[in-house]
Amino acid sequence: MKNRMYVVGIGPGTKEDMTLRATRALADSDVIVGYTTYIDLIRGDYGDKEYIATPMTSEVQRCRLAVEAAASGKKVALISSGDAGVYGMAGILHEVAASYDDLEIAVIPGVTAACSGAALLGAPLIHDFCLISLSDLLTPWGQIAKRLEAAAQADFVITLYNPGSKKRKDYLARACAIIGKYRSGETPAGIVRNIGREGETALLSTLQALAGADVDMFTTVFIGNSRTQVINGRMVTPRGYRL
C-alpha cells in the first residue's frame, strides 16, 4: 500500500478563503510542512499537529523533509500559499519524490492571488490574461522580459507576481517600460497587497503611475488590456457581450 501525502494550496491567507478539500486534507494530516510565515497563518486552526517550518529559499529541503516524513508512514501535508500548482510547491515536490515509488501525492488546489486579487479590484480577468513572475531567482531577467514583450504585444491582461523586493526595486518599472511600448499610459492597473491578511489593500492606478509604485513580494499587480476600463471605481475587462 502506498504512503499518501498532500500538497495543499491554502489560498491567500484566511480560513474563509481556503477550500473545503484543503481544510479536510490538513485535518487529516499528522504533519504539516511549510514556509514559516504560512505555517503561522494556519497553526491556530490545527494546533494538535506536528509542524515542520523552513525559511524562504529552502524549498528543496522542505520537500525532502515532507517526503521523508511521509515515507515513515505519517500523513503529511506540504502547504503552499495560493494554489500549490501556480508558482507553488506541487512541481518541486513531484521532482523531489520522483524516486519514491511507494508515495502517492495528492495535489489540493487553492485560490491563487490572481483570482483573489482580481475579486478585490472588480473583474479585470474576464478576458484572456497571463501570469508572469518578475522574480529572477529561478528565471533569468532576459527570459522574463521576452515574456512581458510577447504578452503586451498580444494584448493580454497581465498579472504580475513577485513584482519587487529589496534586491529588485526597479523591476516593476522595467516591466512597465516594456508593456508601455504597446499600451497607453492611461491603461487601468491595480495594486493589491496582503490579500486576505492584516493590512490588505487594493488600489486602482494606471500603467504610467504604476512604474513608481512601492511593491513587495506580498503584492500582486494587474495591468489591463486595450479594452479594460474603470466602471464605478472597479477595474473591469469586458468579455465582449453586446448590451
C-alpha atoms as a PDB file:
ATOM      1  CA  MET A   1       0.000   0.000   0.000  1.00  0.00           C
ATOM      2  CA  LYS A   2       1.383   3.399  -0.979  1.00  0.00           C
ATOM      3  CA  ASN A   3       2.008   6.154   1.541  1.00  0.00           C
ATOM      4  CA  ARG A   4      -0.107   9.192   0.708  1.00  0.00           C
ATOM      5  CA  MET A   5       0.756  12.850   1.150  1.00  0.00           C
ATOM      6  CA  TYR A   6      -0.902  16.121   0.252  1.00  0.00           C
ATOM      7  CA  VAL A   7       0.445  19.300  -1.258  1.00  0.00           C
ATOM      8  CA  VAL A   8      -2.132  21.877  -0.258  1.00  0.00           C
ATOM      9  CA  GLY A   9      -2.880  25.330  -1.615  1.00  0.00           C
ATOM     10  CA  ILE A  10      -4.100  27.288   1.404  1.00  0.00           C
ATOM     11  CA  GLY A  11      -5.334  30.316  -0.541  1.00  0.00           C
ATOM     12  CA  PRO A  12      -4.467  33.936   0.224  1.00  0.00           C
ATOM     13  CA  GLY A  13      -4.357  33.703   3.998  1.00  0.00           C
ATOM     14  CA  THR A  14      -7.729  33.496   5.737  1.00  0.00           C
ATOM     15  CA  LYS A  15      -9.567  30.318   6.655  1.00  0.00           C
ATOM     16  CA  GLU A  16     -12.659  31.628   4.837  1.00  0.00           C
ATOM     17  CA  ASP A  17     -10.740  31.642   1.544  1.00  0.00           C
ATOM     18  CA  MET A  18      -9.453  28.088   1.951  1.00  0.00           C
ATOM     19  CA  THR A  19     -11.273  25.329   0.047  1.00  0.00           C
ATOM     20  CA  LEU A  20     -13.109  22.547   1.870  1.00  0.00           C
ATOM     21  CA  ARG A  21     -10.731  19.998   0.323  1.00  0.00           C
ATOM     22  CA  ALA A  22      -7.786  21.933   1.747  1.00  0.00           C
ATOM     23  CA  THR A  23      -9.218  22.100   5.262  1.00  0.00           C
ATOM     24  CA  ARG A  24     -10.041  18.391   5.171  1.00  0.00           C
ATOM     25  CA  ALA A  25      -6.546  17.491   3.973  1.00  0.00           C
ATOM     26  CA  LEU A  26      -4.945  19.495   6.772  1.00  0.00           C
ATOM     27  CA  ALA A  27      -7.289  17.994   9.353  1.00  0.00           C
ATOM     28  CA  ASP A  28      -6.431  14.510   8.069  1.00  0.00           C
ATOM     29  CA  SER A  29      -2.666  15.055   8.337  1.00  0.00           C
ATOM     30  CA  ASP A  30      -0.329  14.184  11.180  1.00  0.00           C
ATOM     31  CA  VAL A  31       2.414  16.542   9.994  1.00  0.00           C
ATOM     32  CA  ILE A  32       2.151  19.945   8.289  1.00  0.00           C
ATOM     33  CA  VAL A  33       5.242  21.223   6.485  1.00  0.00           C
ATOM     34  CA  GLY A  34       5.689  24.718   5.083  1.00  0.00           C
ATOM     35  CA  TYR A  35       7.353  28.101   4.910  1.00  0.00           C
ATOM     36  CA  THR A  36       7.425  29.645   8.386  1.00  0.00           C
ATOM     37  CA  THR A  37       5.077  32.540   7.535  1.00  0.00           C
ATOM     38  CA  TYR A  38       2.460  30.196   6.051  1.00  0.00           C
ATOM     39  CA  ILE A  39       2.679  27.797   8.991  1.00  0.00           C
ATOM     40  CA  ASP A  40       1.897  30.741  11.270  1.00  0.00           C
ATOM     41  CA  LEU A  41      -1.219  31.536   9.220  1.00  0.00           C
ATOM     42  CA  ILE A  42      -2.839  28.149   9.858  1.00  0.00           C
ATOM     43  CA  ARG A  43      -1.289  26.938  13.121  1.00  0.00           C
ATOM     44  CA  GLY A  44      -4.127  28.345  15.235  1.00  0.00           C
ATOM     45  CA  ASP A  45      -6.687  26.156  13.478  1.00  0.00           C
ATOM     46  CA  TYR A  46      -4.662  22.927  13.550  1.00  0.00           C
ATOM     47  CA  GLY A  47      -2.748  23.203  16.806  1.00  0.00           C
ATOM     48  CA  ASP A  48      -2.596  19.476  17.533  1.00  0.00           C
ATOM     49  CA  LYS A  49      -0.369  18.712  14.533  1.00  0.00           C
ATOM     50  CA  GLU A  50       3.363  18.240  14.232  1.00  0.00           C
ATOM     51  CA  TYR A  51       4.818  21.217  12.348  1.00  0.00           C
ATOM     52  CA  ILE A  52       7.972  21.449  10.268  1.00  0.00           C
ATOM     53  CA  ALA A  53       8.763  25.039   9.247  1.00  0.00           C
ATOM     54  CA  THR A  54      11.613  26.162   6.997  1.00  0.00           C
ATOM     55  CA  PRO A  55      12.696  29.645   5.846  1.00  0.00           C
ATOM     56  CA  MET A  56      12.322  31.175   2.411  1.00  0.00           C
ATOM     57  CA  THR A  57      14.591  29.746  -0.349  1.00  0.00           C
ATOM     58  CA  SER A  58      14.595  26.348   1.414  1.00  0.00           C
ATOM     59  CA  GLU A  59      12.042  24.764  -0.906  1.00  0.00           C
ATOM     60  CA  VAL A  60      14.091  21.690  -1.806  1.00  0.00           C
ATOM     61  CA  GLN A  61      14.916  20.960   1.829  1.00  0.00           C
ATOM     62  CA  ARG A  62      11.261  21.498   2.743  1.00  0.00           C
ATOM     63  CA  CYS A  63      10.133  18.938   0.183  1.00  0.00           C
ATOM     64  CA  ARG A  64      12.736  16.416   1.312  1.00  0.00           C
ATOM     65  CA  LEU A  65      11.624  16.743   4.920  1.00  0.00           C
ATOM     66  CA  ALA A  66       8.000  16.288   3.865  1.00  0.00           C
ATOM     67  CA  VAL A  67       8.777  13.233   1.728  1.00  0.00           C
ATOM     68  CA  GLU A  68      10.871  11.637   4.471  1.00  0.00           C
ATOM     69  CA  ALA A  69       8.048  12.119   6.977  1.00  0.00           C
ATOM     70  CA  ALA A  70       5.542  10.589   4.549  1.00  0.00           C
ATOM     71  CA  ALA A  71       7.868   7.672   3.777  1.00  0.00           C
ATOM     72  CA  SER A  72       7.985   6.905   7.509  1.00  0.00           C
ATOM     73  CA  GLY A  73       4.243   6.270   7.462  1.00  0.00           C
ATOM     74  CA  LYS A  74       2.932   9.626   8.658  1.00  0.00           C
ATOM     75  CA  LYS A  75       0.180  11.535   6.883  1.00  0.00           C
ATOM     76  CA  VAL A  76       1.848  14.695   5.635  1.00  0.00           C
ATOM     77  CA  ALA A  77       0.560  17.957   4.172  1.00  0.00           C
ATOM     78  CA  LEU A  78       3.015  20.292   2.450  1.00  0.00           C
ATOM     79  CA  ILE A  79       1.385  23.713   2.305  1.00  0.00           C
ATOM     80  CA  SER A  80       1.739  26.424  -0.300  1.00  0.00           C
ATOM     81  CA  SER A  81       0.143  29.867  -0.384  1.00  0.00           C
ATOM     82  CA  GLY A  82      -2.488  30.439  -3.036  1.00  0.00           C
ATOM     83  CA  ASP A  83      -2.606  27.426  -5.350  1.00  0.00           C
ATOM     84  CA  ALA A  84       0.140  24.820  -4.957  1.00  0.00           C
ATOM     85  CA  GLY A  85       0.230  24.387  -8.727  1.00  0.00           C
ATOM     86  CA  VAL A  86       0.706  28.089  -9.570  1.00  0.00           C
ATOM     87  CA  TYR A  87       4.255  29.165  -8.660  1.00  0.00           C
ATOM     88  CA  GLY A  88       3.792  26.792  -5.724  1.00  0.00           C
ATOM     89  CA  MET A  89       5.226  23.637  -4.207  1.00  0.00           C
ATOM     90  CA  ALA A  90       3.490  20.976  -6.318  1.00  0.00           C
ATOM     91  CA  GLY A  91       6.123  20.928  -9.060  1.00  0.00           C
ATOM     92  CA  ILE A  92       9.246  20.686  -6.915  1.00  0.00           C
ATOM     93  CA  LEU A  93       7.561  18.104  -4.664  1.00  0.00           C
ATOM     94  CA  HIS A  94       6.973  15.798  -7.632  1.00  0.00           C
ATOM     95  CA  GLU A  95      10.611  16.250  -8.669  1.00  0.00           C
ATOM     96  CA  VAL A  96      11.981  15.502  -5.196  1.00  0.00           C
ATOM     97  CA  ALA A  97       9.662  12.500  -4.749  1.00  0.00           C
ATOM     98  CA  ALA A  98      10.380  11.029  -8.206  1.00  0.00           C
ATOM     99  CA  SER A  99      12.381   8.086  -6.819  1.00  0.00           C
ATOM    100  CA  TYR A 100       9.804   7.186  -4.143  1.00  0.00           C
ATOM    101  CA  ASP A 101       7.692   4.554  -5.893  1.00  0.00           C
ATOM    102  CA  ASP A 102       5.608   3.876  -2.793  1.00  0.00           C
ATOM    103  CA  LEU A 103       4.492   7.504  -2.362  1.00  0.00           C
ATOM    104  CA  GLU A 104       1.225   8.863  -3.744  1.00  0.00           C
ATOM    105  CA  ILE A 105       0.911  12.655  -3.985  1.00  0.00           C
ATOM    106  CA  ALA A 106      -2.485  14.368  -3.956  1.00  0.00           C
ATOM    107  CA  VAL A 107      -2.459  17.987  -5.157  1.00  0.00           C
ATOM    108  CA  ILE A 108      -5.178  20.023  -3.421  1.00  0.00           C
ATOM    109  CA  PRO A 109      -5.941  23.232  -5.349  1.00  0.00           C
ATOM    110  CA  GLY A 110      -6.344  26.621  -3.730  1.00  0.00           C
ATOM    111  CA  VAL A 111      -7.270  30.190  -4.644  1.00  0.00           C
ATOM    112  CA  THR A 112      -4.292  31.871  -6.289  1.00  0.00           C
ATOM    113  CA  ALA A 113      -3.545  35.596  -5.883  1.00  0.00           C
ATOM    114  CA  ALA A 114      -4.628  36.348  -9.452  1.00  0.00           C
ATOM    115  CA  CYS A 115      -8.180  35.279  -8.572  1.00  0.00           C
ATOM    116  CA  SER A 116      -8.420  36.632  -5.032  1.00  0.00           C
ATOM    117  CA  GLY A 117      -6.738  39.896  -6.013  1.00  0.00           C
ATOM    118  CA  ALA A 118      -8.943  40.330  -9.071  1.00  0.00           C
ATOM    119  CA  ALA A 119     -12.033  39.974  -6.882  1.00  0.00           C
ATOM    120  CA  LEU A 120     -10.868  42.885  -4.729  1.00  0.00           C
ATOM    121  CA  LEU A 121     -10.336  45.112  -7.772  1.00  0.00           C
ATOM    122  CA  GLY A 122     -13.527  44.217  -9.633  1.00  0.00           C
ATOM    123  CA  ALA A 123     -13.357  41.987 -12.709  1.00  0.00           C
ATOM    124  CA  PRO A 124     -10.065  42.552 -14.552  1.00  0.00           C
ATOM    125  CA  LEU A 125      -9.558  38.951 -15.732  1.00  0.00           C
ATOM    126  CA  ILE A 126     -12.807  38.386 -17.614  1.00  0.00           C
ATOM    127  CA  HIS A 127     -10.995  38.013 -20.944  1.00  0.00           C
ATOM    128  CA  ASP A 128      -7.674  36.348 -21.871  1.00  0.00           C
ATOM    129  CA  PHE A 129      -4.891  37.005 -19.385  1.00  0.00           C
ATOM    130  CA  CYS A 130      -1.488  35.698 -18.385  1.00  0.00           C
ATOM    131  CA  LEU A 131       0.536  35.397 -15.187  1.00  0.00           C
ATOM    132  CA  ILE A 132       4.188  36.430 -15.144  1.00  0.00           C
ATOM    133  CA  SER A 133       6.519  36.392 -12.146  1.00  0.00           C
ATOM    134  CA  LEU A 134       9.129  39.154 -12.006  1.00  0.00           C
ATOM    135  CA  SER A 135      11.345  37.127  -9.681  1.00  0.00           C
ATOM    136  CA  ASP A 136      14.644  36.288 -11.369  1.00  0.00           C
ATOM    137  CA  LEU A 137      15.720  33.870  -8.651  1.00  0.00           C
ATOM    138  CA  LEU A 138      14.969  30.876 -10.898  1.00  0.00           C
ATOM    139  CA  THR A 139      14.300  32.573 -14.256  1.00  0.00           C
ATOM    140  CA  PRO A 140      16.771  34.996 -15.928  1.00  0.00           C
ATOM    141  CA  TRP A 141      15.535  38.551 -16.450  1.00  0.00           C
ATOM    142  CA  GLY A 142      16.098  38.206 -20.191  1.00  0.00           C
ATOM    143  CA  GLN A 143      13.508  35.437 -20.356  1.00  0.00           C
ATOM    144  CA  ILE A 144      11.080  37.399 -18.198  1.00  0.00           C
ATOM    145  CA  ALA A 145      11.465  40.418 -20.490  1.00  0.00           C
ATOM    146  CA  LYS A 146      10.687  38.299 -23.572  1.00  0.00           C
ATOM    147  CA  ARG A 147       7.515  37.025 -21.952  1.00  0.00           C
ATOM    148  CA  LEU A 148       6.442  40.539 -20.977  1.00  0.00           C
ATOM    149  CA  GLU A 149       7.034  41.723 -24.531  1.00  0.00           C
ATOM    150  CA  ALA A 150       5.029  38.863 -26.041  1.00  0.00           C
ATOM    151  CA  ALA A 151       2.146  39.284 -23.593  1.00  0.00           C
ATOM    152  CA  ALA A 152       1.980  43.033 -24.168  1.00  0.00           C
ATOM    153  CA  GLN A 153       2.048  42.608 -27.942  1.00  0.00           C
ATOM    154  CA  ALA A 154      -0.758  40.042 -27.760  1.00  0.00           C
ATOM    155  CA  ASP A 155      -2.900  42.427 -25.661  1.00  0.00           C
ATOM    156  CA  PHE A 156      -3.271  40.064 -22.717  1.00  0.00           C
ATOM    157  CA  VAL A 157      -4.369  41.411 -19.368  1.00  0.00           C
ATOM    158  CA  ILE A 158      -1.170  40.841 -17.382  1.00  0.00           C
ATOM    159  CA  THR A 159      -0.967  39.799 -13.744  1.00  0.00           C
ATOM    160  CA  LEU A 160       2.453  40.186 -12.161  1.00  0.00           C
ATOM    161  CA  TYR A 161       3.550  38.048  -9.230  1.00  0.00           C
ATOM    162  CA  ASN A 162       6.621  38.916  -7.120  1.00  0.00           C
ATOM    163  CA  PRO A 163       6.785  42.446  -8.591  1.00  0.00           C
ATOM    164  CA  GLY A 164       9.520  43.710  -6.284  1.00  0.00           C
ATOM    165  CA  SER A 165      11.880  43.064  -3.400  1.00  0.00           C
ATOM    166  CA  LYS A 166      14.814  44.765  -1.686  1.00  0.00           C
ATOM    167  CA  LYS A 167      17.128  43.492  -4.424  1.00  0.00           C
ATOM    168  CA  ARG A 168      14.666  44.122  -7.292  1.00  0.00           C
ATOM    169  CA  LYS A 169      13.381  47.625  -6.623  1.00  0.00           C
ATOM    170  CA  ASP A 170      13.277  48.677 -10.287  1.00  0.00           C
ATOM    171  CA  TYR A 171      11.856  45.508 -11.841  1.00  0.00           C
ATOM    172  CA  LEU A 172       8.272  46.757 -11.924  1.00  0.00           C
ATOM    173  CA  ALA A 173       9.384  49.975 -13.629  1.00  0.00           C
ATOM    174  CA  ARG A 174      11.312  47.906 -16.171  1.00  0.00           C
ATOM    175  CA  ALA A 175       8.256  45.748 -16.798  1.00  0.00           C
ATOM    176  CA  CYS A 176       6.050  48.817 -17.238  1.00  0.00           C
ATOM    177  CA  ALA A 177       8.513  50.257 -19.762  1.00  0.00           C
ATOM    178  CA  ILE A 178       8.267  47.096 -21.867  1.00  0.00           C
ATOM    179  CA  ILE A 179       4.475  46.951 -21.670  1.00  0.00           C
ATOM    180  CA  GLY A 180       4.243  50.699 -22.318  1.00  0.00           C
ATOM    181  CA  LYS A 181       5.586  50.211 -25.828  1.00  0.00           C
ATOM    182  CA  TYR A 182       2.246  48.638 -26.724  1.00  0.00           C
ATOM    183  CA  ARG A 183      -0.243  50.300 -24.350  1.00  0.00           C
ATOM    184  CA  SER A 184      -1.341  53.752 -23.342  1.00  0.00           C
ATOM    185  CA  GLY A 185      -0.003  55.159 -20.096  1.00  0.00           C
ATOM    186  CA  GLU A 186      -3.635  55.597 -19.051  1.00  0.00           C
ATOM    187  CA  THR A 187      -4.306  51.845 -19.234  1.00  0.00           C
ATOM    188  CA  PRO A 188      -6.068  50.869 -15.982  1.00  0.00           C
ATOM    189  CA  ALA A 189      -3.939  48.975 -13.484  1.00  0.00           C
ATOM    190  CA  GLY A 190      -4.418  47.623  -9.988  1.00  0.00           C
ATOM    191  CA  ILE A 191      -2.174  47.005  -6.995  1.00  0.00           C
ATOM    192  CA  VAL A 192      -3.278  44.523  -4.338  1.00  0.00           C
ATOM    193  CA  ARG A 193      -1.242  43.882  -1.204  1.00  0.00           C
ATOM    194  CA  ASN A 194      -1.515  41.360   1.651  1.00  0.00           C
ATOM    195  CA  ILE A 195      -4.553  39.602   0.189  1.00  0.00           C
ATOM    196  CA  GLY A 196      -6.651  38.031   2.931  1.00  0.00           C
ATOM    197  CA  ARG A 197      -4.264  39.193   5.650  1.00  0.00           C
ATOM    198  CA  GLU A 198      -3.826  42.102   8.023  1.00  0.00           C
ATOM    199  CA  GLY A 199      -3.104  45.278   6.075  1.00  0.00           C
ATOM    200  CA  GLU A 200      -4.955  44.191   2.930  1.00  0.00           C
ATOM    201  CA  THR A 201      -5.221  46.992   0.360  1.00  0.00           C
ATOM    202  CA  ALA A 202      -6.493  47.238  -3.216  1.00  0.00           C
ATOM    203  CA  LEU A 203      -5.716  50.373  -5.222  1.00  0.00           C
ATOM    204  CA  LEU A 204      -6.578  51.432  -8.757  1.00  0.00           C
ATOM    205  CA  SER A 205      -3.824  53.049 -10.777  1.00  0.00           C
ATOM    206  CA  THR A 206      -2.618  53.460 -14.355  1.00  0.00           C
ATOM    207  CA  LEU A 207       0.252  51.905 -16.257  1.00  0.00           C
ATOM    208  CA  GLN A 208       2.103  55.220 -16.197  1.00  0.00           C
ATOM    209  CA  ALA A 209       1.748  55.677 -12.430  1.00  0.00           C
ATOM    210  CA  LEU A 210       2.426  52.017 -11.715  1.00  0.00           C
ATOM    211  CA  ALA A 211       6.116  52.320 -12.554  1.00  0.00           C
ATOM    212  CA  GLY A 212       6.779  54.264  -9.354  1.00  0.00           C
ATOM    213  CA  ALA A 213       4.627  52.160  -7.037  1.00  0.00           C
ATOM    214  CA  ASP A 214       6.004  50.698  -3.814  1.00  0.00           C
ATOM    215  CA  VAL A 215       5.618  46.923  -4.141  1.00  0.00           C
ATOM    216  CA  ASP A 216       6.991  43.803  -2.486  1.00  0.00           C
ATOM    217  CA  MET A 217       6.675  40.010  -2.535  1.00  0.00           C
ATOM    218  CA  PHE A 218       3.214  40.234  -0.956  1.00  0.00           C
ATOM    219  CA  THR A 219       1.917  42.478  -3.757  1.00  0.00           C
ATOM    220  CA  THR A 220       0.083  41.366  -6.892  1.00  0.00           C
ATOM    221  CA  VAL A 221      -0.124  43.763  -9.839  1.00  0.00           C
ATOM    222  CA  PHE A 222      -2.785  43.826 -12.557  1.00  0.00           C
ATOM    223  CA  ILE A 223      -2.326  45.627 -15.882  1.00  0.00           C
ATOM    224  CA  GLY A 224      -5.342  45.885 -18.152  1.00  0.00           C
ATOM    225  CA  ASN A 225      -5.520  45.332 -21.885  1.00  0.00           C
ATOM    226  CA  SER A 226      -6.692  47.788 -24.557  1.00  0.00           C
ATOM    227  CA  ARG A 227     -10.337  47.297 -23.538  1.00  0.00           C
ATOM    228  CA  THR A 228     -10.014  47.355 -19.745  1.00  0.00           C
ATOM    229  CA  GLN A 229     -11.870  50.229 -18.112  1.00  0.00           C
ATOM    230  CA  VAL A 230     -12.850  51.597 -14.719  1.00  0.00           C
ATOM    231  CA  ILE A 231     -16.579  51.283 -14.010  1.00  0.00           C
ATOM    232  CA  ASN A 232     -17.891  52.859 -10.796  1.00  0.00           C
ATOM    233  CA  GLY A 233     -14.472  52.594  -9.211  1.00  0.00           C
ATOM    234  CA  ARG A 234     -13.907  48.987 -10.257  1.00  0.00           C
ATOM    235  CA  MET A 235     -11.378  47.622 -12.756  1.00  0.00           C
ATOM    236  CA  VAL A 236     -13.271  45.720 -15.450  1.00  0.00           C
ATOM    237  CA  THR A 237     -12.202  43.963 -18.648  1.00  0.00           C
ATOM    238  CA  PRO A 238     -15.255  43.418 -20.897  1.00  0.00           C
ATOM    239  CA  ARG A 239     -15.815  39.924 -22.237  1.00  0.00           C
ATOM    240  CA  GLY A 240     -17.422  41.276 -25.396  1.00  0.00           C
ATOM    241  CA  TYR A 241     -21.144  40.949 -24.752  1.00  0.00           C
ATOM    242  CA  ARG A 242     -23.464  43.299 -26.628  1.00  0.00           C
ATOM    243  CA  LEU A 243     -25.504  45.381 -24.202  1.00  0.00           C
END
